[in-house]
Amino acid sequence: MKECEIVNLYDLNETIAKDFLSKFKYPWEALKYIEEFILELGPKLPKEEYNQIDENIWIHKTACVYESSYIKGPTIICKGAEIRHCAFIRGKAIIGEDAVVGNSSELKNVILFNKVQVPHYNYVGDSILGYKAHLGAGSITSNLKSDKKLIIIKGKDEQIETGIKKIGAMIGDNVEVGCGTVLNPGTIVGKNTNIYPLSSVRGVVRENSIYKNKNEIVDKLV
Protein backbone atom coordinates (compact mmCIF):
# COMPACT_ATOMS: atom_id res chain seq x y z
CA MET A 1 0.00 0.00 0.00
CA LYS A 2 1.82 3.05 -1.27
CA GLU A 3 -0.25 5.42 0.88
CA CYS A 4 1.30 3.79 3.96
CA GLU A 5 4.91 4.21 2.87
CA ILE A 6 7.11 6.62 4.78
CA VAL A 7 7.93 8.66 1.67
CA ASN A 8 4.22 9.32 1.10
CA LEU A 9 3.37 10.23 4.71
CA TYR A 10 6.27 12.39 5.86
CA ASP A 11 8.69 15.12 4.86
CA LEU A 12 11.83 13.59 6.32
CA ASN A 13 13.60 16.94 6.24
CA GLU A 14 11.43 17.86 9.23
CA THR A 15 12.92 15.41 11.73
CA ILE A 16 16.26 14.70 13.34
CA ALA A 17 15.48 11.04 12.58
CA LYS A 18 15.66 11.50 8.79
CA ASP A 19 18.51 9.08 8.14
CA PHE A 20 17.02 6.53 10.52
CA LEU A 21 13.55 6.53 8.99
CA SER A 22 14.98 6.44 5.47
CA LYS A 23 16.03 2.84 6.12
CA PHE A 24 12.44 1.60 6.27
CA LYS A 25 9.57 1.26 3.82
CA TYR A 26 6.71 1.47 6.32
CA PRO A 27 6.83 3.59 9.49
CA TRP A 28 5.78 0.85 11.92
CA GLU A 29 8.92 -1.07 10.93
CA ALA A 30 10.97 1.58 12.76
CA LEU A 31 9.19 1.24 16.11
CA LYS A 32 11.33 -1.54 17.59
CA TYR A 33 14.53 0.37 16.79
CA ILE A 34 13.71 3.83 18.19
CA GLU A 35 15.49 3.17 21.47
CA GLU A 36 18.59 1.88 19.71
CA PHE A 37 18.66 4.93 17.43
CA ILE A 38 18.39 7.41 20.30
CA LEU A 39 21.22 5.71 22.19
CA GLU A 40 23.37 5.92 19.07
CA LEU A 41 22.51 9.53 18.18
CA GLY A 42 22.44 11.10 21.63
CA PRO A 43 26.20 11.03 22.35
CA LYS A 44 26.85 12.54 18.91
CA LEU A 45 24.66 15.61 19.45
CA PRO A 46 26.67 18.86 19.67
CA LYS A 47 27.45 19.59 23.31
CA GLU A 48 27.28 23.32 22.69
CA GLU A 49 23.59 22.91 21.78
CA TYR A 50 22.36 20.04 23.97
CA ASN A 51 22.49 19.39 27.69
CA GLN A 52 22.71 15.78 28.80
CA ILE A 53 20.67 15.88 31.99
CA ASP A 54 20.78 12.16 32.68
CA GLU A 55 22.53 9.11 31.27
CA ASN A 56 20.25 8.85 28.24
CA ILE A 57 18.37 12.15 28.13
CA TRP A 58 19.45 14.98 25.83
CA ILE A 59 17.62 18.33 25.85
CA HIS A 60 18.35 21.25 23.57
CA LYS A 61 19.35 24.37 25.47
CA THR A 62 16.50 26.36 23.90
CA ALA A 63 13.81 23.85 24.86
CA CYS A 64 11.38 24.82 27.61
CA VAL A 65 10.82 22.02 30.11
CA TYR A 66 8.51 22.60 33.06
CA GLU A 67 9.78 21.35 36.42
CA SER A 68 6.58 19.36 36.96
CA SER A 69 7.14 17.24 33.84
CA TYR A 70 8.64 13.74 34.06
CA ILE A 71 11.16 12.51 31.52
CA LYS A 72 12.62 9.03 31.34
CA GLY A 73 15.37 8.08 28.91
CA PRO A 74 16.28 7.42 26.30
CA THR A 75 14.82 10.68 25.05
CA ILE A 76 15.92 13.51 22.78
CA ILE A 77 14.15 16.87 22.99
CA CYS A 78 15.03 19.19 20.13
CA LYS A 79 15.41 22.93 19.63
CA GLY A 80 12.55 25.12 20.84
CA ALA A 81 10.35 22.26 22.04
CA GLU A 82 8.01 22.86 24.97
CA ILE A 83 7.34 20.19 27.59
CA ARG A 84 4.51 21.53 29.71
CA HIS A 85 3.09 20.98 33.20
CA CYS A 86 2.83 17.32 34.23
CA ALA A 87 3.81 15.93 30.83
CA PHE A 88 4.83 12.27 31.21
CA ILE A 89 7.53 11.05 28.82
CA ARG A 90 8.07 7.34 29.44
CA GLY A 91 11.16 7.05 27.26
CA LYS A 92 12.13 6.02 23.75
CA ALA A 93 10.92 9.42 22.54
CA ILE A 94 12.19 11.89 19.96
CA ILE A 95 10.49 15.26 20.27
CA GLY A 96 11.09 17.51 17.29
CA GLU A 97 11.91 21.19 16.98
CA ASP A 98 9.19 23.55 18.27
CA ALA A 99 6.99 20.59 19.21
CA VAL A 100 4.60 20.84 22.16
CA VAL A 101 3.92 18.11 24.70
CA GLY A 102 1.20 19.47 26.90
CA ASN A 103 -0.51 19.17 30.24
CA SER A 104 -0.86 15.55 31.37
CA SER A 105 0.07 14.21 27.93
CA GLU A 106 1.93 10.89 27.87
CA LEU A 107 4.47 9.64 25.32
CA LYS A 108 6.06 6.21 24.89
CA ASN A 109 8.17 4.90 21.99
CA VAL A 110 7.40 7.73 19.60
CA ILE A 111 8.84 10.08 17.03
CA LEU A 112 7.29 13.52 16.89
CA PHE A 113 8.39 15.49 13.85
CA ASN A 114 9.05 19.23 14.05
CA LYS A 115 6.14 21.41 15.16
CA VAL A 116 3.93 18.51 16.25
CA GLN A 117 1.43 19.45 18.95
CA VAL A 118 0.03 17.03 21.52
CA PRO A 119 -0.98 19.77 23.93
CA HIS A 120 -3.85 18.57 26.14
CA TYR A 121 -4.44 15.19 27.81
CA ASN A 122 -3.14 13.08 24.92
CA TYR A 123 -1.71 9.57 24.96
CA VAL A 124 0.74 8.80 22.14
CA GLY A 125 2.33 5.37 22.19
CA ASP A 126 4.21 3.37 19.55
CA SER A 127 3.41 6.06 17.00
CA ILE A 128 5.02 8.47 14.55
CA LEU A 129 3.48 11.91 14.04
CA GLY A 130 4.47 13.96 10.99
CA TYR A 131 5.35 17.63 10.56
CA LYS A 132 2.77 19.99 12.11
CA ALA A 133 0.44 17.14 13.05
CA HIS A 134 -1.93 18.18 15.85
CA LEU A 135 -3.98 16.11 18.27
CA GLY A 136 -7.00 17.86 19.76
CA ALA A 137 -7.64 17.73 23.49
CA GLY A 138 -8.20 14.23 24.81
CA SER A 139 -7.31 12.46 21.56
CA ILE A 140 -5.27 9.29 21.93
CA THR A 141 -3.46 6.63 19.96
CA SER A 142 -4.59 3.18 21.09
CA ASN A 143 -1.67 0.82 20.55
CA LEU A 144 -2.86 -2.61 21.73
CA LYS A 145 -5.85 -4.61 20.52
CA SER A 146 -8.27 -5.85 23.17
CA ASP A 147 -7.67 -9.45 22.06
CA LYS A 148 -3.87 -8.88 22.20
CA LYS A 149 -3.46 -10.26 18.66
CA LEU A 150 -0.83 -9.04 16.19
CA ILE A 151 -1.82 -5.90 14.31
CA ILE A 152 -2.89 -5.94 10.69
CA ILE A 153 -2.87 -2.71 8.66
CA LYS A 154 -6.15 -2.71 6.77
CA GLY A 155 -6.58 -0.67 3.62
CA LYS A 156 -9.61 -0.53 1.36
CA ASP A 157 -8.54 -3.39 -0.91
CA GLU A 158 -5.39 -4.67 0.75
CA GLN A 159 -3.94 -5.50 4.15
CA ILE A 160 -0.49 -5.95 5.63
CA GLU A 161 0.34 -8.35 8.45
CA THR A 162 2.88 -6.52 10.59
CA GLY A 163 3.86 -9.28 13.02
CA ILE A 164 3.83 -6.58 15.72
CA LYS A 165 1.69 -6.58 18.85
CA LYS A 166 1.82 -2.85 19.62
CA ILE A 167 1.32 -0.17 16.97
CA GLY A 168 -0.42 3.10 17.64
CA ALA A 169 -1.02 5.54 14.78
CA MET A 170 1.12 6.66 11.87
CA ILE A 171 -0.03 10.22 11.26
CA GLY A 172 1.13 12.13 8.19
CA ASP A 173 2.23 15.74 7.86
CA ASN A 174 -0.28 18.52 8.58
CA VAL A 175 -2.96 16.20 9.97
CA GLU A 176 -5.57 17.70 12.30
CA VAL A 177 -7.20 15.28 14.73
CA GLY A 178 -10.32 16.55 16.46
CA CYS A 179 -10.87 16.52 20.22
CA GLY A 180 -11.80 13.28 21.94
CA THR A 181 -10.80 11.04 19.05
CA VAL A 182 -9.50 7.49 19.40
CA LEU A 183 -7.06 6.32 16.74
CA ASN A 184 -7.31 2.54 17.00
CA PRO A 185 -4.25 0.24 16.77
CA GLY A 186 -2.60 0.35 13.37
CA THR A 187 -4.40 3.45 12.11
CA ILE A 188 -2.70 5.27 9.22
CA VAL A 189 -3.76 8.86 8.45
CA GLY A 190 -2.52 10.38 5.20
CA LYS A 191 -1.06 13.87 5.12
CA ASN A 192 -3.20 17.03 5.05
CA THR A 193 -6.22 15.18 6.44
CA ASN A 194 -8.75 16.35 9.04
CA ILE A 195 -10.44 14.00 11.50
CA TYR A 196 -13.75 15.12 13.01
CA PRO A 197 -13.95 15.37 16.82
CA LEU A 198 -15.15 12.32 18.79
CA SER A 199 -14.23 9.94 15.99
CA SER A 200 -13.19 6.31 16.37
CA VAL A 201 -10.77 5.75 13.50
CA ARG A 202 -9.26 2.51 12.22
CA GLY A 203 -7.57 1.34 9.05
CA VAL A 204 -6.09 3.64 6.42
CA VAL A 205 -7.47 7.15 5.88
CA ARG A 206 -6.39 8.62 2.57
CA GLU A 207 -4.44 11.87 2.32
CA ASN A 208 -6.12 15.22 1.57
CA SER A 209 -9.44 14.09 3.01
CA ILE A 210 -11.93 14.89 5.76
CA TYR A 211 -12.93 11.99 7.98
CA LYS A 212 -16.47 12.55 9.25
CA ASN A 213 -17.19 8.93 10.14
CA LYS A 214 -16.23 5.52 8.75
CA ASN A 215 -18.91 5.78 6.08
CA GLU A 216 -18.27 9.39 5.13
CA ILE A 217 -14.75 10.35 4.12
CA VAL A 218 -14.72 13.19 1.60
CA ASP A 219 -12.01 14.87 -0.44
CA LYS A 220 -10.55 18.00 1.09
CA LEU A 221 -10.33 21.11 -1.05
CA VAL A 222 -6.70 22.23 -0.94
C-alpha atoms as a PDB file:
ATOM      1  CA  MET A   1       0.000   0.000   0.000  1.00  0.00           C
ATOM      2  CA  LYS A   2       1.823   3.053  -1.271  1.00  0.00           C
ATOM      3  CA  GLU A   3      -0.247   5.417   0.878  1.00  0.00           C
ATOM      4  CA  CYS A   4       1.295   3.788   3.961  1.00  0.00           C
ATOM      5  CA  GLU A   5       4.911   4.207   2.872  1.00  0.00           C
ATOM      6  CA  ILE A   6       7.115   6.618   4.781  1.00  0.00           C
ATOM      7  CA  VAL A   7       7.927   8.661   1.673  1.00  0.00           C
ATOM      8  CA  ASN A   8       4.223   9.325   1.102  1.00  0.00           C
ATOM      9  CA  LEU A   9       3.374  10.227   4.708  1.00  0.00           C
ATOM     10  CA  TYR A  10       6.268  12.391   5.858  1.00  0.00           C
ATOM     11  CA  ASP A  11       8.694  15.120   4.862  1.00  0.00           C
ATOM     12  CA  LEU A  12      11.827  13.586   6.319  1.00  0.00           C
ATOM     13  CA  ASN A  13      13.596  16.940   6.239  1.00  0.00           C
ATOM     14  CA  GLU A  14      11.429  17.857   9.235  1.00  0.00           C
ATOM     15  CA  THR A  15      12.919  15.409  11.729  1.00  0.00           C
ATOM     16  CA  ILE A  16      16.259  14.696  13.343  1.00  0.00           C
ATOM     17  CA  ALA A  17      15.479  11.043  12.576  1.00  0.00           C
ATOM     18  CA  LYS A  18      15.656  11.505   8.790  1.00  0.00           C
ATOM     19  CA  ASP A  19      18.509   9.081   8.143  1.00  0.00           C
ATOM     20  CA  PHE A  20      17.024   6.532  10.524  1.00  0.00           C
ATOM     21  CA  LEU A  21      13.547   6.535   8.988  1.00  0.00           C
ATOM     22  CA  SER A  22      14.977   6.437   5.473  1.00  0.00           C
ATOM     23  CA  LYS A  23      16.030   2.841   6.122  1.00  0.00           C
ATOM     24  CA  PHE A  24      12.438   1.602   6.273  1.00  0.00           C
ATOM     25  CA  LYS A  25       9.569   1.261   3.824  1.00  0.00           C
ATOM     26  CA  TYR A  26       6.714   1.470   6.318  1.00  0.00           C
ATOM     27  CA  PRO A  27       6.831   3.590   9.492  1.00  0.00           C
ATOM     28  CA  TRP A  28       5.776   0.853  11.924  1.00  0.00           C
ATOM     29  CA  GLU A  29       8.916  -1.073  10.926  1.00  0.00           C
ATOM     30  CA  ALA A  30      10.965   1.575  12.760  1.00  0.00           C
ATOM     31  CA  LEU A  31       9.192   1.241  16.114  1.00  0.00           C
ATOM     32  CA  LYS A  32      11.334  -1.536  17.590  1.00  0.00           C
ATOM     33  CA  TYR A  33      14.530   0.366  16.788  1.00  0.00           C
ATOM     34  CA  ILE A  34      13.707   3.832  18.186  1.00  0.00           C
ATOM     35  CA  GLU A  35      15.490   3.173  21.468  1.00  0.00           C
ATOM     36  CA  GLU A  36      18.591   1.884  19.711  1.00  0.00           C
ATOM     37  CA  PHE A  37      18.664   4.927  17.426  1.00  0.00           C
ATOM     38  CA  ILE A  38      18.389   7.409  20.303  1.00  0.00           C
ATOM     39  CA  LEU A  39      21.220   5.709  22.195  1.00  0.00           C
ATOM     40  CA  GLU A  40      23.375   5.922  19.071  1.00  0.00           C
ATOM     41  CA  LEU A  41      22.507   9.530  18.176  1.00  0.00           C
ATOM     42  CA  GLY A  42      22.443  11.099  21.634  1.00  0.00           C
ATOM     43  CA  PRO A  43      26.195  11.027  22.347  1.00  0.00           C
ATOM     44  CA  LYS A  44      26.848  12.541  18.910  1.00  0.00           C
ATOM     45  CA  LEU A  45      24.664  15.606  19.452  1.00  0.00           C
ATOM     46  CA  PRO A  46      26.668  18.860  19.670  1.00  0.00           C
ATOM     47  CA  LYS A  47      27.452  19.593  23.313  1.00  0.00           C
ATOM     48  CA  GLU A  48      27.284  23.322  22.686  1.00  0.00           C
ATOM     49  CA  GLU A  49      23.592  22.905  21.781  1.00  0.00           C
ATOM     50  CA  TYR A  50      22.361  20.040  23.967  1.00  0.00           C
ATOM     51  CA  ASN A  51      22.487  19.388  27.692  1.00  0.00           C
ATOM     52  CA  GLN A  52      22.711  15.783  28.796  1.00  0.00           C
ATOM     53  CA  ILE A  53      20.665  15.882  31.987  1.00  0.00           C
ATOM     54  CA  ASP A  54      20.784  12.158  32.684  1.00  0.00           C
ATOM     55  CA  GLU A  55      22.534   9.114  31.271  1.00  0.00           C
ATOM     56  CA  ASN A  56      20.252   8.848  28.236  1.00  0.00           C
ATOM     57  CA  ILE A  57      18.366  12.155  28.127  1.00  0.00           C
ATOM     58  CA  TRP A  58      19.453  14.984  25.828  1.00  0.00           C
ATOM     59  CA  ILE A  59      17.617  18.328  25.852  1.00  0.00           C
ATOM     60  CA  HIS A  60      18.354  21.252  23.572  1.00  0.00           C
ATOM     61  CA  LYS A  61      19.352  24.371  25.470  1.00  0.00           C
ATOM     62  CA  THR A  62      16.505  26.361  23.899  1.00  0.00           C
ATOM     63  CA  ALA A  63      13.806  23.850  24.864  1.00  0.00           C
ATOM     64  CA  CYS A  64      11.380  24.823  27.614  1.00  0.00           C
ATOM     65  CA  VAL A  65      10.821  22.019  30.107  1.00  0.00           C
ATOM     66  CA  TYR A  66       8.507  22.601  33.061  1.00  0.00           C
ATOM     67  CA  GLU A  67       9.779  21.354  36.422  1.00  0.00           C
ATOM     68  CA  SER A  68       6.577  19.361  36.962  1.00  0.00           C
ATOM     69  CA  SER A  69       7.141  17.244  33.838  1.00  0.00           C
ATOM     70  CA  TYR A  70       8.635  13.740  34.065  1.00  0.00           C
ATOM     71  CA  ILE A  71      11.163  12.514  31.524  1.00  0.00           C
ATOM     72  CA  LYS A  72      12.620   9.029  31.342  1.00  0.00           C
ATOM     73  CA  GLY A  73      15.368   8.081  28.907  1.00  0.00           C
ATOM     74  CA  PRO A  74      16.280   7.417  26.301  1.00  0.00           C
ATOM     75  CA  THR A  75      14.820  10.677  25.054  1.00  0.00           C
ATOM     76  CA  ILE A  76      15.917  13.506  22.777  1.00  0.00           C
ATOM     77  CA  ILE A  77      14.148  16.873  22.988  1.00  0.00           C
ATOM     78  CA  CYS A  78      15.032  19.186  20.125  1.00  0.00           C
ATOM     79  CA  LYS A  79      15.406  22.928  19.634  1.00  0.00           C
ATOM     80  CA  GLY A  80      12.547  25.122  20.840  1.00  0.00           C
ATOM     81  CA  ALA A  81      10.350  22.261  22.036  1.00  0.00           C
ATOM     82  CA  GLU A  82       8.012  22.861  24.967  1.00  0.00           C
ATOM     83  CA  ILE A  83       7.339  20.194  27.587  1.00  0.00           C
ATOM     84  CA  ARG A  84       4.509  21.531  29.713  1.00  0.00           C
ATOM     85  CA  HIS A  85       3.092  20.981  33.195  1.00  0.00           C
ATOM     86  CA  CYS A  86       2.828  17.319  34.230  1.00  0.00           C
ATOM     87  CA  ALA A  87       3.806  15.932  30.834  1.00  0.00           C
ATOM     88  CA  PHE A  88       4.829  12.272  31.206  1.00  0.00           C
ATOM     89  CA  ILE A  89       7.533  11.051  28.824  1.00  0.00           C
ATOM     90  CA  ARG A  90       8.074   7.340  29.439  1.00  0.00           C
ATOM     91  CA  GLY A  91      11.157   7.049  27.258  1.00  0.00           C
ATOM     92  CA  LYS A  92      12.126   6.019  23.746  1.00  0.00           C
ATOM     93  CA  ALA A  93      10.922   9.415  22.536  1.00  0.00           C
ATOM     94  CA  ILE A  94      12.193  11.888  19.959  1.00  0.00           C
ATOM     95  CA  ILE A  95      10.489  15.257  20.271  1.00  0.00           C
ATOM     96  CA  GLY A  96      11.091  17.514  17.291  1.00  0.00           C
ATOM     97  CA  GLU A  97      11.911  21.194  16.976  1.00  0.00           C
ATOM     98  CA  ASP A  98       9.195  23.548  18.272  1.00  0.00           C
ATOM     99  CA  ALA A  99       6.995  20.591  19.210  1.00  0.00           C
ATOM    100  CA  VAL A 100       4.604  20.840  22.160  1.00  0.00           C
ATOM    101  CA  VAL A 101       3.916  18.113  24.700  1.00  0.00           C
ATOM    102  CA  GLY A 102       1.200  19.468  26.898  1.00  0.00           C
ATOM    103  CA  ASN A 103      -0.513  19.174  30.236  1.00  0.00           C
ATOM    104  CA  SER A 104      -0.859  15.550  31.366  1.00  0.00           C
ATOM    105  CA  SER A 105       0.072  14.207  27.931  1.00  0.00           C
ATOM    106  CA  GLU A 106       1.927  10.892  27.869  1.00  0.00           C
ATOM    107  CA  LEU A 107       4.466   9.636  25.324  1.00  0.00           C
ATOM    108  CA  LYS A 108       6.061   6.210  24.886  1.00  0.00           C
ATOM    109  CA  ASN A 109       8.169   4.899  21.991  1.00  0.00           C
ATOM    110  CA  VAL A 110       7.397   7.726  19.598  1.00  0.00           C
ATOM    111  CA  ILE A 111       8.842  10.075  17.029  1.00  0.00           C
ATOM    112  CA  LEU A 112       7.292  13.521  16.887  1.00  0.00           C
ATOM    113  CA  PHE A 113       8.388  15.492  13.847  1.00  0.00           C
ATOM    114  CA  ASN A 114       9.054  19.226  14.045  1.00  0.00           C
ATOM    115  CA  LYS A 115       6.137  21.410  15.162  1.00  0.00           C
ATOM    116  CA  VAL A 116       3.933  18.511  16.248  1.00  0.00           C
ATOM    117  CA  GLN A 117       1.432  19.454  18.951  1.00  0.00           C
ATOM    118  CA  VAL A 118       0.033  17.034  21.524  1.00  0.00           C
ATOM    119  CA  PRO A 119      -0.984  19.767  23.932  1.00  0.00           C
ATOM    120  CA  HIS A 120      -3.855  18.568  26.138  1.00  0.00           C
ATOM    121  CA  TYR A 121      -4.436  15.188  27.811  1.00  0.00           C
ATOM    122  CA  ASN A 122      -3.144  13.084  24.919  1.00  0.00           C
ATOM    123  CA  TYR A 123      -1.706   9.571  24.958  1.00  0.00           C
ATOM    124  CA  VAL A 124       0.744   8.800  22.143  1.00  0.00           C
ATOM    125  CA  GLY A 125       2.335   5.369  22.193  1.00  0.00           C
ATOM    126  CA  ASP A 126       4.207   3.370  19.551  1.00  0.00           C
ATOM    127  CA  SER A 127       3.406   6.063  17.004  1.00  0.00           C
ATOM    128  CA  ILE A 128       5.016   8.468  14.546  1.00  0.00           C
ATOM    129  CA  LEU A 129       3.482  11.912  14.038  1.00  0.00           C
ATOM    130  CA  GLY A 130       4.472  13.963  10.989  1.00  0.00           C
ATOM    131  CA  TYR A 131       5.353  17.627  10.565  1.00  0.00           C
ATOM    132  CA  LYS A 132       2.768  19.986  12.106  1.00  0.00           C
ATOM    133  CA  ALA A 133       0.435  17.143  13.055  1.00  0.00           C
ATOM    134  CA  HIS A 134      -1.931  18.182  15.847  1.00  0.00           C
ATOM    135  CA  LEU A 135      -3.981  16.110  18.275  1.00  0.00           C
ATOM    136  CA  GLY A 136      -7.003  17.861  19.757  1.00  0.00           C
ATOM    137  CA  ALA A 137      -7.637  17.732  23.493  1.00  0.00           C
ATOM    138  CA  GLY A 138      -8.197  14.232  24.813  1.00  0.00           C
ATOM    139  CA  SER A 139      -7.314  12.465  21.558  1.00  0.00           C
ATOM    140  CA  ILE A 140      -5.272   9.289  21.926  1.00  0.00           C
ATOM    141  CA  THR A 141      -3.464   6.627  19.957  1.00  0.00           C
ATOM    142  CA  SER A 142      -4.589   3.184  21.085  1.00  0.00           C
ATOM    143  CA  ASN A 143      -1.674   0.820  20.553  1.00  0.00           C
ATOM    144  CA  LEU A 144      -2.862  -2.611  21.725  1.00  0.00           C
ATOM    145  CA  LYS A 145      -5.854  -4.614  20.519  1.00  0.00           C
ATOM    146  CA  SER A 146      -8.266  -5.846  23.165  1.00  0.00           C
ATOM    147  CA  ASP A 147      -7.666  -9.449  22.059  1.00  0.00           C
ATOM    148  CA  LYS A 148      -3.873  -8.879  22.197  1.00  0.00           C
ATOM    149  CA  LYS A 149      -3.461 -10.257  18.657  1.00  0.00           C
ATOM    150  CA  LEU A 150      -0.833  -9.035  16.187  1.00  0.00           C
ATOM    151  CA  ILE A 151      -1.817  -5.899  14.313  1.00  0.00           C
ATOM    152  CA  ILE A 152      -2.890  -5.936  10.686  1.00  0.00           C
ATOM    153  CA  ILE A 153      -2.866  -2.707   8.662  1.00  0.00           C
ATOM    154  CA  LYS A 154      -6.153  -2.707   6.774  1.00  0.00           C
ATOM    155  CA  GLY A 155      -6.577  -0.665   3.625  1.00  0.00           C
ATOM    156  CA  LYS A 156      -9.607  -0.529   1.358  1.00  0.00           C
ATOM    157  CA  ASP A 157      -8.537  -3.386  -0.905  1.00  0.00           C
ATOM    158  CA  GLU A 158      -5.387  -4.671   0.751  1.00  0.00           C
ATOM    159  CA  GLN A 159      -3.941  -5.496   4.146  1.00  0.00           C
ATOM    160  CA  ILE A 160      -0.490  -5.948   5.634  1.00  0.00           C
ATOM    161  CA  GLU A 161       0.338  -8.350   8.448  1.00  0.00           C
ATOM    162  CA  THR A 162       2.881  -6.517  10.594  1.00  0.00           C
ATOM    163  CA  GLY A 163       3.863  -9.276  13.016  1.00  0.00           C
ATOM    164  CA  ILE A 164       3.833  -6.583  15.720  1.00  0.00           C
ATOM    165  CA  LYS A 165       1.686  -6.584  18.854  1.00  0.00           C
ATOM    166  CA  LYS A 166       1.817  -2.851  19.617  1.00  0.00           C
ATOM    167  CA  ILE A 167       1.317  -0.173  16.969  1.00  0.00           C
ATOM    168  CA  GLY A 168      -0.416   3.102  17.640  1.00  0.00           C
ATOM    169  CA  ALA A 169      -1.022   5.544  14.783  1.00  0.00           C
ATOM    170  CA  MET A 170       1.120   6.661  11.870  1.00  0.00           C
ATOM    171  CA  ILE A 171      -0.030  10.225  11.259  1.00  0.00           C
ATOM    172  CA  GLY A 172       1.131  12.129   8.186  1.00  0.00           C
ATOM    173  CA  ASP A 173       2.231  15.743   7.860  1.00  0.00           C
ATOM    174  CA  ASN A 174      -0.285  18.522   8.578  1.00  0.00           C
ATOM    175  CA  VAL A 175      -2.963  16.200   9.965  1.00  0.00           C
ATOM    176  CA  GLU A 176      -5.568  17.701  12.299  1.00  0.00           C
ATOM    177  CA  VAL A 177      -7.204  15.277  14.726  1.00  0.00           C
ATOM    178  CA  GLY A 178     -10.324  16.550  16.456  1.00  0.00           C
ATOM    179  CA  CYS A 179     -10.866  16.521  20.216  1.00  0.00           C
ATOM    180  CA  GLY A 180     -11.796  13.285  21.944  1.00  0.00           C
ATOM    181  CA  THR A 181     -10.797  11.045  19.045  1.00  0.00           C
ATOM    182  CA  VAL A 182      -9.498   7.491  19.399  1.00  0.00           C
ATOM    183  CA  LEU A 183      -7.058   6.317  16.745  1.00  0.00           C
ATOM    184  CA  ASN A 184      -7.314   2.543  17.004  1.00  0.00           C
ATOM    185  CA  PRO A 185      -4.251   0.237  16.767  1.00  0.00           C
ATOM    186  CA  GLY A 186      -2.601   0.350  13.365  1.00  0.00           C
ATOM    187  CA  THR A 187      -4.401   3.448  12.110  1.00  0.00           C
ATOM    188  CA  ILE A 188      -2.701   5.269   9.216  1.00  0.00           C
ATOM    189  CA  VAL A 189      -3.760   8.857   8.450  1.00  0.00           C
ATOM    190  CA  GLY A 190      -2.525  10.377   5.197  1.00  0.00           C
ATOM    191  CA  LYS A 191      -1.058  13.867   5.124  1.00  0.00           C
ATOM    192  CA  ASN A 192      -3.200  17.033   5.046  1.00  0.00           C
ATOM    193  CA  THR A 193      -6.219  15.179   6.436  1.00  0.00           C
ATOM    194  CA  ASN A 194      -8.752  16.353   9.040  1.00  0.00           C
ATOM    195  CA  ILE A 195     -10.439  14.000  11.504  1.00  0.00           C
ATOM    196  CA  TYR A 196     -13.746  15.119  13.013  1.00  0.00           C
ATOM    197  CA  PRO A 197     -13.949  15.365  16.824  1.00  0.00           C
ATOM    198  CA  LEU A 198     -15.146  12.324  18.793  1.00  0.00           C
ATOM    199  CA  SER A 199     -14.228   9.944  15.986  1.00  0.00           C
ATOM    200  CA  SER A 200     -13.191   6.311  16.366  1.00  0.00           C
ATOM    201  CA  VAL A 201     -10.770   5.753  13.502  1.00  0.00           C
ATOM    202  CA  ARG A 202      -9.261   2.509  12.216  1.00  0.00           C
ATOM    203  CA  GLY A 203      -7.574   1.343   9.047  1.00  0.00           C
ATOM    204  CA  VAL A 204      -6.086   3.642   6.416  1.00  0.00           C
ATOM    205  CA  VAL A 205      -7.474   7.154   5.885  1.00  0.00           C
ATOM    206  CA  ARG A 206      -6.390   8.622   2.575  1.00  0.00           C
ATOM    207  CA  GLU A 207      -4.439  11.875   2.319  1.00  0.00           C
ATOM    208  CA  ASN A 208      -6.117  15.218   1.574  1.00  0.00           C
ATOM    209  CA  SER A 209      -9.440  14.093   3.006  1.00  0.00           C
ATOM    210  CA  ILE A 210     -11.932  14.891   5.756  1.00  0.00           C
ATOM    211  CA  TYR A 211     -12.930  11.985   7.981  1.00  0.00           C
ATOM    212  CA  LYS A 212     -16.470  12.555   9.254  1.00  0.00           C
ATOM    213  CA  ASN A 213     -17.190   8.930  10.141  1.00  0.00           C
ATOM    214  CA  LYS A 214     -16.225   5.517   8.749  1.00  0.00           C
ATOM    215  CA  ASN A 215     -18.911   5.780   6.081  1.00  0.00           C
ATOM    216  CA  GLU A 216     -18.266   9.393   5.133  1.00  0.00           C
ATOM    217  CA  ILE A 217     -14.750  10.348   4.120  1.00  0.00           C
ATOM    218  CA  VAL A 218     -14.716  13.188   1.604  1.00  0.00           C
ATOM    219  CA  ASP A 219     -12.015  14.872  -0.441  1.00  0.00           C
ATOM    220  CA  LYS A 220     -10.546  18.001   1.088  1.00  0.00           C
ATOM    221  CA  LEU A 221     -10.327  21.114  -1.055  1.00  0.00           C
ATOM    222  CA  VAL A 222      -6.702  22.229  -0.936  1.00  0.00           C
END
